[in-house]
Amino acid sequence: MPGLLRGVARTAVVAGTATAVSNRVSRRQQGRWAAQEGYQYQSAPQPAPAPQPAPAAAPAAAPADDMASKLDQLKQLGELKAQGVLTEAEFEEQKRRLLG
């Protein structure tokens, strides 16, 4: 059972990171398009997002599992950088957060 919880927690962290990166890239691209067309994009007021529930506390992972998780996340960040989704600076920032 602890392995299952660890896997679920890892998936939640990866999915949250991917969502945050995707949203940031979308906002940055939207700003670039608006700047190219010479006007500032204005959207209809958006309702405030519903508060996200706090992630469940994951059981203490063994150091080897933690290192494997970090390695997997670094590989995913590298893939995003190779695809052009992340800039070098964004990649370094995410890597610093992950390893720091």
PDB file of N, CA and C in Angstrom:
ATOM      1  N   MET A   1       0.813  -1.196   0.000  1.00  0.00           N
ATOM      2  CA  MET A   1       0.000   0.000   0.000  1.00  0.00           C
ATOM      3  C   MET A   1       0.858   1.262   0.000  1.00  0.00           C
ATOM      4  N   PRO A   2       1.960   1.305   0.777  1.00  0.00           N
ATOM      5  CA  PRO A   2       2.785   2.526   0.748  1.00  0.00           C
ATOM      6  C   PRO A   2       3.338   2.811  -0.644  1.00  0.00           C
ATOM      7  N   GLY A   3       3.645   1.778  -1.418  1.00  0.00           N
ATOM      8  CA  GLY A   3       4.144   1.981  -2.778  1.00  0.00           C
ATOM      9  C   GLY A   3       3.095   2.637  -3.656  1.00  0.00           C
ATOM     10  N   LEU A   4       1.854   2.244  -3.472  1.00  0.00           N
ATOM     11  CA  LEU A   4       0.754   2.826  -4.240  1.00  0.00           C
ATOM     12  C   LEU A   4       0.582   4.298  -3.883  1.00  0.00           C
ATOM     13  N   LEU A   5       0.607   4.609  -2.594  1.00  0.00           N
ATOM     14  CA  LEU A   5       0.469   6.004  -2.165  1.00  0.00           C
ATOM     15  C   LEU A   5       1.630   6.851  -2.681  1.00  0.00           C
ATOM     16  N   ARG A   6       2.808   6.293  -2.648  1.00  0.00           N
ATOM     17  CA  ARG A   6       3.980   7.011  -3.140  1.00  0.00           C
ATOM     18  C   ARG A   6       3.836   7.303  -4.632  1.00  0.00           C
ATOM     19  N   GLY A   7       3.346   6.338  -5.372  1.00  0.00           N
ATOM     20  CA  GLY A   7       3.136   6.516  -6.802  1.00  0.00           C
ATOM     21  C   GLY A   7       2.074   7.566  -7.092  1.00  0.00           C
ATOM     22  N   VAL A   8       1.013   7.553  -6.320  1.00  0.00           N
ATOM     23  CA  VAL A   8      -0.052   8.548  -6.495  1.00  0.00           C
ATOM     24  C   VAL A   8       0.474   9.933  -6.169  1.00  0.00           C
ATOM     25  N   ALA A   9       1.235  10.053  -5.087  1.00  0.00           N
ATOM     26  CA  ALA A   9       1.798  11.349  -4.704  1.00  0.00           C
ATOM     27  C   ALA A   9       2.759  11.848  -5.775  1.00  0.00           C
ATOM     28  N   ARG A  10       3.583  10.973  -6.312  1.00  0.00           N
ATOM     29  CA  ARG A  10       4.529  11.351  -7.360  1.00  0.00           C
ATOM     30  C   ARG A  10       3.777  11.832  -8.604  1.00  0.00           C
ATOM     31  N   THR A  11       2.730  11.123  -8.968  1.00  0.00           N
ATOM     32  CA  THR A  11       1.926  11.513 -10.123  1.00  0.00           C
ATOM     33  C   THR A  11       1.291  12.876  -9.905  1.00  0.00           C
ATOM     34  N   ALA A  12       0.813  13.135  -8.700  1.00  0.00           N
ATOM     35  CA  ALA A  12       0.202  14.431  -8.397  1.00  0.00           C
ATOM     36  C   ALA A  12       1.217  15.558  -8.520  1.00  0.00           C
ATOM     37  N   VAL A  13       2.420  15.336  -8.055  1.00  0.00           N
ATOM     38  CA  VAL A  13       3.464  16.359  -8.136  1.00  0.00           C
ATOM     39  C   VAL A  13       3.825  16.620  -9.601  1.00  0.00           C
ATOM     40  N   VAL A  14       4.009  15.583 -10.362  1.00  0.00           N
ATOM     41  CA  VAL A  14       4.371  15.738 -11.777  1.00  0.00           C
ATOM     42  C   VAL A  14       3.252  16.440 -12.538  1.00  0.00           C
ATOM     43  N   ALA A  15       2.017  16.041 -12.294  1.00  0.00           N
ATOM     44  CA  ALA A  15       0.882  16.658 -12.982  1.00  0.00           C
ATOM     45  C   ALA A  15       0.750  18.128 -12.602  1.00  0.00           C
ATOM     46  N   GLY A  16       0.947  18.448 -11.334  1.00  0.00           N
ATOM     47  CA  GLY A  16       0.879  19.847 -10.901  1.00  0.00           C
ATOM     48  C   GLY A  16       1.958  20.687 -11.539  1.00  0.00           C
ATOM     49  N   THR A  17       3.171  20.151 -11.612  1.00  0.00           N
ATOM     50  CA  THR A  17       4.270  20.874 -12.234  1.00  0.00           C
ATOM     51  C   THR A  17       4.000  21.083 -13.723  1.00  0.00           C
ATOM     52  N   ALA A  18       3.530  20.042 -14.388  1.00  0.00           N
ATOM     53  CA  ALA A  18       3.243  20.150 -15.826  1.00  0.00           C
ATOM     54  C   ALA A  18       2.148  21.181 -16.084  1.00  0.00           C
ATOM     55  N   THR A  19       1.126  21.208 -15.238  1.00  0.00           N
ATOM     56  CA  THR A  19       0.047  22.182 -15.400  1.00  0.00           C
ATOM     57  C   THR A  19       0.558  23.595 -15.210  1.00  0.00           C
ATOM     58  N   ALA A  20       1.366  23.809 -14.177  1.00  0.00           N
ATOM     59  CA  ALA A  20       1.902  25.145 -13.919  1.00  0.00           C
ATOM     60  C   ALA A  20       2.784  25.617 -15.080  1.00  0.00           C
ATOM     61  N   VAL A  21       3.626  24.740 -15.577  1.00  0.00           N
ATOM     62  CA  VAL A  21       4.500  25.094 -16.698  1.00  0.00           C
ATOM     63  C   VAL A  21       3.675  25.384 -17.947  1.00  0.00           C
ATOM     64  N   SER A  22       2.686  24.556 -18.210  1.00  0.00           N
ATOM     65  CA  SER A  22       1.841  24.752 -19.383  1.00  0.00           C
ATOM     66  C   SER A  22       1.097  26.085 -19.319  1.00  0.00           C
ATOM     67  N   ASN A  23       0.557  26.404 -18.157  1.00  0.00           N
ATOM     68  CA  ASN A  23      -0.148  27.682 -17.999  1.00  0.00           C
ATOM     69  C   ASN A  23       0.791  28.864 -18.202  1.00  0.00           C
ATOM     70  N   ARG A  24       1.989  28.769 -17.684  1.00  0.00           N
ATOM     71  CA  ARG A  24       2.946  29.864 -17.823  1.00  0.00           C
ATOM     72  C   ARG A  24       3.344  30.049 -19.285  1.00  0.00           C
ATOM     73  N   VAL A  25       3.562  28.952 -19.981  1.00  0.00           N
ATOM     74  CA  VAL A  25       3.922  29.024 -21.399  1.00  0.00           C
ATOM     75  C   VAL A  25       2.769  29.639 -22.196  1.00  0.00           C
ATOM     76  N   SER A  26       1.544  29.264 -21.887  1.00  0.00           N
ATOM     77  CA  SER A  26       0.382  29.811 -22.596  1.00  0.00           C
ATOM     78  C   SER A  26       0.274  31.315 -22.380  1.00  0.00           C
ATOM     79  N   ARG A  27       0.451  31.762 -21.133  1.00  0.00           N
ATOM     80  CA  ARG A  27       0.382  33.200 -20.853  1.00  0.00           C
ATOM     81  C   ARG A  27       1.496  33.953 -21.566  1.00  0.00           C
ATOM     82  N   ARG A  28       2.697  33.388 -21.565  1.00  0.00           N
ATOM     83  CA  ARG A  28       3.817  34.050 -22.225  1.00  0.00           C
ATOM     84  C   ARG A  28       3.581  34.134 -23.734  1.00  0.00           C
ATOM     85  N   GLN A  29       3.085  33.054 -24.331  1.00  0.00           N
ATOM     86  CA  GLN A  29       2.815  33.050 -25.763  1.00  0.00           C
ATOM     87  C   GLN A  29       1.706  34.033 -26.104  1.00  0.00           C
ATOM     88  N   GLN A  30       0.686  34.104 -25.277  1.00  0.00           N
ATOM     89  CA  GLN A  30      -0.406  35.042 -25.494  1.00  0.00           C
ATOM     90  C   GLN A  30       0.123  36.477 -25.467  1.00  0.00           C
ATOM     91  N   GLY A  31       1.029  36.767 -24.541  1.00  0.00           N
ATOM     92  CA  GLY A  31       1.635  38.096 -24.476  1.00  0.00           C
ATOM     93  C   GLY A  31       2.470  38.399 -25.714  1.00  0.00           C
ATOM     94  N   ARG A  32       3.176  37.419 -26.209  1.00  0.00           N
ATOM     95  CA  ARG A  32       3.993  37.616 -27.416  1.00  0.00           C
ATOM     96  C   ARG A  32       3.110  37.927 -28.620  1.00  0.00           C
ATOM     97  N   TRP A  33       2.010  37.196 -28.754  1.00  0.00           N
ATOM     98  CA  TRP A  33       1.104  37.431 -29.883  1.00  0.00           C
ATOM     99  C   TRP A  33       0.496  38.827 -29.798  1.00  0.00           C
ATOM    100  N   ALA A  34       0.112  39.211 -28.589  1.00  0.00           N
ATOM    101  CA  ALA A  34      -0.487  40.538 -28.415  1.00  0.00           C
ATOM    102  C   ALA A  34       0.526  41.628 -28.765  1.00  0.00           C
ATOM    103  N   ALA A  35       1.770  41.450 -28.367  1.00  0.00           N
ATOM    104  CA  ALA A  35       2.803  42.441 -28.657  1.00  0.00           C
ATOM    105  C   ALA A  35       3.069  42.515 -30.164  1.00  0.00           C
ATOM    106  N   GLN A  36       3.031  41.401 -30.860  1.00  0.00           N
ATOM    107  CA  GLN A  36       3.263  41.389 -32.298  1.00  0.00           C
ATOM    108  C   GLN A  36       2.148  42.122 -33.043  1.00  0.00           C
ATOM    109  N   GLU A  37       0.945  42.030 -32.566  1.00  0.00           N
ATOM    110  CA  GLU A  37      -0.180  42.671 -33.230  1.00  0.00           C
ATOM    111  C   GLU A  37      -0.345  44.122 -32.800  1.00  0.00           C
ATOM    112  N   GLY A  38       0.426  44.582 -31.831  1.00  0.00           N
ATOM    113  CA  GLY A  38       0.416  45.981 -31.433  1.00  0.00           C
ATOM    114  C   GLY A  38      -0.696  46.368 -30.483  1.00  0.00           C
ATOM    115  N   TYR A  39      -1.332  45.424 -29.869  1.00  0.00           N
ATOM    116  CA  TYR A  39      -2.350  45.775 -28.878  1.00  0.00           C
ATOM    117  C   TYR A  39      -2.274  44.797 -27.723  1.00  0.00           C
ATOM    118  N   GLN A  40      -2.813  45.206 -26.618  1.00  0.00           N
ATOM    119  CA  GLN A  40      -2.810  44.358 -25.428  1.00  0.00           C
ATOM    120  C   GLN A  40      -4.085  43.520 -25.439  1.00  0.00           C
ATOM    121  N   TYR A  41      -3.932  42.227 -25.299  1.00  0.00           N
ATOM    122  CA  TYR A  41      -5.072  41.327 -25.288  1.00  0.00           C
ATOM    123  C   TYR A  41      -5.898  41.591 -24.038  1.00  0.00           C
ATOM    124  N   GLN A  42      -7.220  41.744 -24.212  1.00  0.00           N
ATOM    125  CA  GLN A  42      -8.100  41.940 -23.073  1.00  0.00           C
ATOM    126  C   GLN A  42      -9.175  40.868 -23.125  1.00  0.00           C
ATOM    127  N   SER A  43      -9.278  40.152 -22.071  1.00  0.00           N
ATOM    128  CA  SER A  43     -10.272  39.095 -22.011  1.00  0.00           C
ATOM    129  C   SER A  43     -11.359  39.495 -21.035  1.00  0.00           C
ATOM    130  N   ALA A  44     -12.450  38.803 -21.122  1.00  0.00           N
ATOM    131  CA  ALA A  44     -13.546  39.042 -20.184  1.00  0.00           C
ATOM    132  C   ALA A  44     -13.063  38.682 -18.791  1.00  0.00           C
ATOM    133  N   PRO A  45     -13.561  39.376 -17.780  1.00  0.00           N
ATOM    134  CA  PRO A  45     -13.126  39.058 -16.414  1.00  0.00           C
ATOM    135  C   PRO A  45     -13.405  37.594 -16.097  1.00  0.00           C
ATOM    136  N   GLN A  46     -12.429  36.958 -15.558  1.00  0.00           N
ATOM    137  CA  GLN A  46     -12.551  35.556 -15.202  1.00  0.00           C
ATOM    138  C   GLN A  46     -12.889  35.440 -13.718  1.00  0.00           C
ATOM    139  N   PRO A  47     -13.765  34.508 -13.369  1.00  0.00           N
ATOM    140  CA  PRO A  47     -14.049  34.313 -11.947  1.00  0.00           C
ATOM    141  C   PRO A  47     -12.802  33.784 -11.247  1.00  0.00           C
ATOM    142  N   ALA A  48     -12.718  34.103  -9.980  1.00  0.00           N
ATOM    143  CA  ALA A  48     -11.568  33.640  -9.203  1.00  0.00           C
ATOM    144  C   ALA A  48     -11.562  32.112  -9.196  1.00  0.00           C
ATOM    145  N   PRO A  49     -10.379  31.517  -9.379  1.00  0.00           N
ATOM    146  CA  PRO A  49     -10.322  30.050  -9.386  1.00  0.00           C
ATOM    147  C   PRO A  49     -10.666  29.493  -8.008  1.00  0.00           C
ATOM    148  N   ALA A  50     -11.289  28.344  -8.014  1.00  0.00           N
ATOM    149  CA  ALA A  50     -11.615  27.687  -6.751  1.00  0.00           C
ATOM    150  C   ALA A  50     -10.324  27.294  -6.049  1.00  0.00           C
ATOM    151  N   PRO A  51     -10.270  27.441  -4.733  1.00  0.00           N
ATOM    152  CA  PRO A  51      -9.041  27.084  -4.020  1.00  0.00           C
ATOM    153  C   PRO A  51      -8.750  25.594  -4.197  1.00  0.00           C
ATOM    154  N   GLN A  52      -7.483  25.307  -4.401  1.00  0.00           N
ATOM    155  CA  GLN A  52      -7.056  23.926  -4.573  1.00  0.00           C
ATOM    156  C   GLN A  52      -6.885  23.278  -3.205  1.00  0.00           C
ATOM    157  N   PRO A  53      -7.347  22.041  -3.053  1.00  0.00           N
ATOM    158  CA  PRO A  53      -7.138  21.368  -1.762  1.00  0.00           C
ATOM    159  C   PRO A  53      -5.650  21.100  -1.560  1.00  0.00           C
ATOM    160  N   ALA A  54      -5.244  21.153  -0.328  1.00  0.00           N
ATOM    161  CA  ALA A  54      -3.843  20.894  -0.003  1.00  0.00           C
ATOM    162  C   ALA A  54      -3.517  19.444  -0.337  1.00  0.00           C
ATOM    163  N   PRO A  55      -2.334  19.203  -0.920  1.00  0.00           N
ATOM    164  CA  PRO A  55      -1.980  17.813  -1.240  1.00  0.00           C
ATOM    165  C   PRO A  55      -1.842  16.994   0.036  1.00  0.00           C
ATOM    166  N   ALA A  56      -2.232  15.749  -0.069  1.00  0.00           N
ATOM    167  CA  ALA A  56      -2.126  14.851   1.069  1.00  0.00           C
ATOM    168  C   ALA A  56      -0.659  14.618   1.401  1.00  0.00           C
ATOM    169  N   ALA A  57      -0.383  14.510   2.664  1.00  0.00           N
ATOM    170  CA  ALA A  57       0.992  14.268   3.086  1.00  0.00           C
ATOM    171  C   ALA A  57       1.416  12.876   2.630  1.00  0.00           C
ATOM    172  N   ALA A  58       2.508  12.831   1.919  1.00  0.00           N
ATOM    173  CA  ALA A  58       3.015  11.553   1.427  1.00  0.00           C
ATOM    174  C   ALA A  58       3.820  10.883   2.526  1.00  0.00           C
ATOM    175  N   PRO A  59       3.800   9.576   2.584  1.00  0.00           N
ATOM    176  CA  PRO A  59       4.617   8.888   3.577  1.00  0.00           C
ATOM    177  C   PRO A  59       6.087   9.130   3.289  1.00  0.00           C
ATOM    178  N   ALA A  60       6.883   9.069   4.328  1.00  0.00           N
ATOM    179  CA  ALA A  60       8.315   9.301   4.172  1.00  0.00           C
ATOM    180  C   ALA A  60       8.892   8.268   3.204  1.00  0.00           C
ATOM    181  N   ALA A  61       9.534   8.767   2.168  1.00  0.00           N
ATOM    182  CA  ALA A  61      10.092   7.887   1.152  1.00  0.00           C
ATOM    183  C   ALA A  61      11.539   7.546   1.500  1.00  0.00           C
ATOM    184  N   ALA A  62      11.945   6.398   1.068  1.00  0.00           N
ATOM    185  CA  ALA A  62      13.338   6.013   1.261  1.00  0.00           C
ATOM    186  C   ALA A  62      14.208   6.888   0.374  1.00  0.00           C
ATOM    187  N   PRO A  63      15.462   7.165   0.759  1.00  0.00           N
ATOM    188  CA  PRO A  63      16.321   8.027  -0.054  1.00  0.00           C
ATOM    189  C   PRO A  63      16.462   7.573  -1.502  1.00  0.00           C
ATOM    190  N   ALA A  64      16.495   6.284  -1.746  1.00  0.00           N
ATOM    191  CA  ALA A  64      16.632   5.795  -3.118  1.00  0.00           C
ATOM    192  C   ALA A  64      15.390   6.139  -3.940  1.00  0.00           C
ATOM    193  N   ASP A  65      14.203   5.995  -3.327  1.00  0.00           N
ATOM    194  CA  ASP A  65      12.958   6.341  -4.016  1.00  0.00           C
ATOM    195  C   ASP A  65      12.902   7.831  -4.302  1.00  0.00           C
ATOM    196  N   ASP A  66      13.352   8.641  -3.343  1.00  0.00           N
ATOM    197  CA  ASP A  66      13.353  10.089  -3.515  1.00  0.00           C
ATOM    198  C   ASP A  66      14.279  10.476  -4.667  1.00  0.00           C
ATOM    199  N   MET A  67      15.438   9.875  -4.740  1.00  0.00           N
ATOM    200  CA  MET A  67      16.389  10.183  -5.805  1.00  0.00           C
ATOM    201  C   MET A  67      15.831   9.739  -7.154  1.00  0.00           C
ATOM    202  N   ALA A  68      15.164   8.590  -7.188  1.00  0.00           N
ATOM    203  CA  ALA A  68      14.566   8.112  -8.434  1.00  0.00           C
ATOM    204  C   ALA A  68      13.461   9.063  -8.892  1.00  0.00           C
ATOM    205  N   SER A  69      12.688   9.551  -7.939  1.00  0.00           N
ATOM    206  CA  SER A  69      11.624  10.504  -8.261  1.00  0.00           C
ATOM    207  C   SER A  69      12.209  11.791  -8.834  1.00  0.00           C
ATOM    208  N   LYS A  70      13.255  12.295  -8.209  1.00  0.00           N
ATOM    209  CA  LYS A  70      13.893  13.523  -8.690  1.00  0.00           C
ATOM    210  C   LYS A  70      14.496  13.310 -10.081  1.00  0.00           C
ATOM    211  N   LEU A  71      15.076  12.148 -10.289  1.00  0.00           N
ATOM    212  CA  LEU A  71      15.660  11.834 -11.583  1.00  0.00           C
ATOM    213  C   LEU A  71      14.579  11.786 -12.668  1.00  0.00           C
ATOM    214  N   ASP A  72      13.434  11.175 -12.337  1.00  0.00           N
ATOM    215  CA  ASP A  72      12.316  11.139 -13.286  1.00  0.00           C
ATOM    216  C   ASP A  72      11.838  12.546 -13.620  1.00  0.00           C
ATOM    217  N   GLN A  73      11.721  13.395 -12.601  1.00  0.00           N
ATOM    218  CA  GLN A  73      11.256  14.757 -12.830  1.00  0.00           C
ATOM    219  C   GLN A  73      12.269  15.547 -13.660  1.00  0.00           C
ATOM    220  N   LEU A  74      13.557  15.332 -13.401  1.00  0.00           N
ATOM    221  CA  LEU A  74      14.583  16.010 -14.202  1.00  0.00           C
ATOM    222  C   LEU A  74      14.515  15.568 -15.664  1.00  0.00           C
ATOM    223  N   LYS A  75      14.269  14.275 -15.889  1.00  0.00           N
ATOM    224  CA  LYS A  75      14.132  13.786 -17.259  1.00  0.00           C
ATOM    225  C   LYS A  75      12.948  14.451 -17.952  1.00  0.00           C
ATOM    226  N   GLN A  76      11.835  14.589 -17.231  1.00  0.00           N
ATOM    227  CA  GLN A  76      10.661  15.228 -17.822  1.00  0.00           C
ATOM    228  C   GLN A  76      10.935  16.696 -18.130  1.00  0.00           C
ATOM    229  N   LEU A  77      11.633  17.378 -17.230  1.00  0.00           N
ATOM    230  CA  LEU A  77      11.988  18.771 -17.486  1.00  0.00           C
ATOM    231  C   LEU A  77      12.896  18.872 -18.713  1.00  0.00           C
ATOM    232  N   GLY A  78      13.854  17.943 -18.834  1.00  0.00           N
ATOM    233  CA  GLY A  78      14.742  17.934 -19.989  1.00  0.00           C
ATOM    234  C   GLY A  78      13.975  17.720 -21.286  1.00  0.00           C
ATOM    235  N   GLU A  79      12.971  16.858 -21.236  1.00  0.00           N
ATOM    236  CA  GLU A  79      12.156  16.623 -22.428  1.00  0.00           C
ATOM    237  C   GLU A  79      11.369  17.880 -22.807  1.00  0.00           C
ATOM    238  N   LEU A  80      10.821  18.564 -21.798  1.00  0.00           N
ATOM    239  CA  LEU A  80      10.088  19.803 -22.068  1.00  0.00           C
ATOM    240  C   LEU A  80      11.012  20.865 -22.666  1.00  0.00           C
ATOM    241  N   LYS A  81      12.246  20.919 -22.173  1.00  0.00           N
ATOM    242  CA  LYS A  81      13.219  21.877 -22.702  1.00  0.00           C
ATOM    243  C   LYS A  81      13.569  21.513 -24.146  1.00  0.00           C
ATOM    244  N   ALA A  82      13.764  20.229 -24.412  1.00  0.00           N
ATOM    245  CA  ALA A  82      14.112  19.782 -25.763  1.00  0.00           C
ATOM    246  C   ALA A  82      12.973  20.051 -26.750  1.00  0.00           C
ATOM    247  N   GLN A  83      11.740  20.003 -26.278  1.00  0.00           N
ATOM    248  CA  GLN A  83      10.583  20.267 -27.142  1.00  0.00           C
ATOM    249  C   GLN A  83      10.370  21.762 -27.354  1.00  0.00           C
ATOM    250  N   GLY A  84      11.089  22.587 -26.596  1.00  0.00           N
ATOM    251  CA  GLY A  84      10.942  24.032 -26.735  1.00  0.00           C
ATOM    252  C   GLY A  84       9.872  24.624 -25.842  1.00  0.00           C
ATOM    253  N   VAL A  85       9.296  23.815 -24.962  1.00  0.00           N
ATOM    254  CA  VAL A  85       8.268  24.306 -24.054  1.00  0.00           C
ATOM    255  C   VAL A  85       8.901  25.174 -22.968  1.00  0.00           C
ATOM    256  N   LEU A  86      10.073  24.771 -22.497  1.00  0.00           N
ATOM    257  CA  LEU A  86      10.794  25.514 -21.464  1.00  0.00           C
ATOM    258  C   LEU A  86      12.008  26.204 -22.070  1.00  0.00           C
ATOM    259  N   THR A  87      12.267  27.421 -21.601  1.00  0.00           N
ATOM    260  CA  THR A  87      13.505  28.093 -21.989  1.00  0.00           C
ATOM    261  C   THR A  87      14.623  27.584 -21.096  1.00  0.00           C
ATOM    262  N   GLU A  88      15.848  27.938 -21.421  1.00  0.00           N
ATOM    263  CA  GLU A  88      16.994  27.529 -20.604  1.00  0.00           C
ATOM    264  C   GLU A  88      16.834  28.060 -19.177  1.00  0.00           C
ATOM    265  N   ALA A  89      16.419  29.327 -19.048  1.00  0.00           N
ATOM    266  CA  ALA A  89      16.268  29.936 -17.720  1.00  0.00           C
ATOM    267  C   ALA A  89      15.177  29.229 -16.918  1.00  0.00           C
ATOM    268  N   GLU A  90      14.054  28.903 -17.567  1.00  0.00           N
ATOM    269  CA  GLU A  90      12.971  28.204 -16.871  1.00  0.00           C
ATOM    270  C   GLU A  90      13.419  26.807 -16.454  1.00  0.00           C
ATOM    271  N   PHE A  91      14.153  26.154 -17.326  1.00  0.00           N
ATOM    272  CA  PHE A  91      14.653  24.825 -17.003  1.00  0.00           C
ATOM    273  C   PHE A  91      15.572  24.879 -15.785  1.00  0.00           C
ATOM    274  N   GLU A  92      16.486  25.850 -15.779  1.00  0.00           N
ATOM    275  CA  GLU A  92      17.409  25.982 -14.647  1.00  0.00           C
ATOM    276  C   GLU A  92      16.673  26.303 -13.354  1.00  0.00           C
ATOM    277  N   GLU A  93      15.638  27.145 -13.426  1.00  0.00           N
ATOM    278  CA  GLU A  93      14.860  27.491 -12.240  1.00  0.00           C
ATOM    279  C   GLU A  93      14.150  26.269 -11.689  1.00  0.00           C
ATOM    280  N   GLN A  94      13.504  25.497 -12.560  1.00  0.00           N
ATOM    281  CA  GLN A  94      12.805  24.292 -12.111  1.00  0.00           C
ATOM    282  C   GLN A  94      13.789  23.262 -11.545  1.00  0.00           C
ATOM    283  N   LYS A  95      14.951  23.155 -12.175  1.00  0.00           N
ATOM    284  CA  LYS A  95      15.967  22.221 -11.699  1.00  0.00           C
ATOM    285  C   LYS A  95      16.467  22.637 -10.321  1.00  0.00           C
ATOM    286  N   ARG A  96      16.662  23.963 -10.145  1.00  0.00           N
ATOM    287  CA  ARG A  96      17.111  24.473  -8.843  1.00  0.00           C
ATOM    288  C   ARG A  96      16.076  24.175  -7.762  1.00  0.00           C
ATOM    289  N   ARG A  97      14.799  24.377  -8.079  1.00  0.00           N
ATOM    290  CA  ARG A  97      13.740  24.083  -7.103  1.00  0.00           C
ATOM    291  C   ARG A  97      13.691  22.605  -6.751  1.00  0.00           C
ATOM    292  N   LEU A  98      13.836  21.778  -7.755  1.00  0.00           N
ATOM    293  CA  LEU A  98      13.766  20.343  -7.544  1.00  0.00           C
ATOM    294  C   LEU A  98      14.931  19.839  -6.695  1.00  0.00           C
ATOM    295  N   LEU A  99      16.127  20.323  -7.000  1.00  0.00           N
ATOM    296  CA  LEU A  99      17.307  19.830  -6.288  1.00  0.00           C
ATOM    297  C   LEU A  99      17.608  20.616  -5.013  1.00  0.00           C
ATOM    298  N   GLY A 100      17.057  21.820  -4.908  1.00  0.00           N
ATOM    299  CA  GLY A 100      17.326  22.687  -3.755  1.00  0.00           C
ATOM    300  C   GLY A 100      16.475  22.313  -2.612  1.00  0.00           C
TER     301      GLY A 100
END
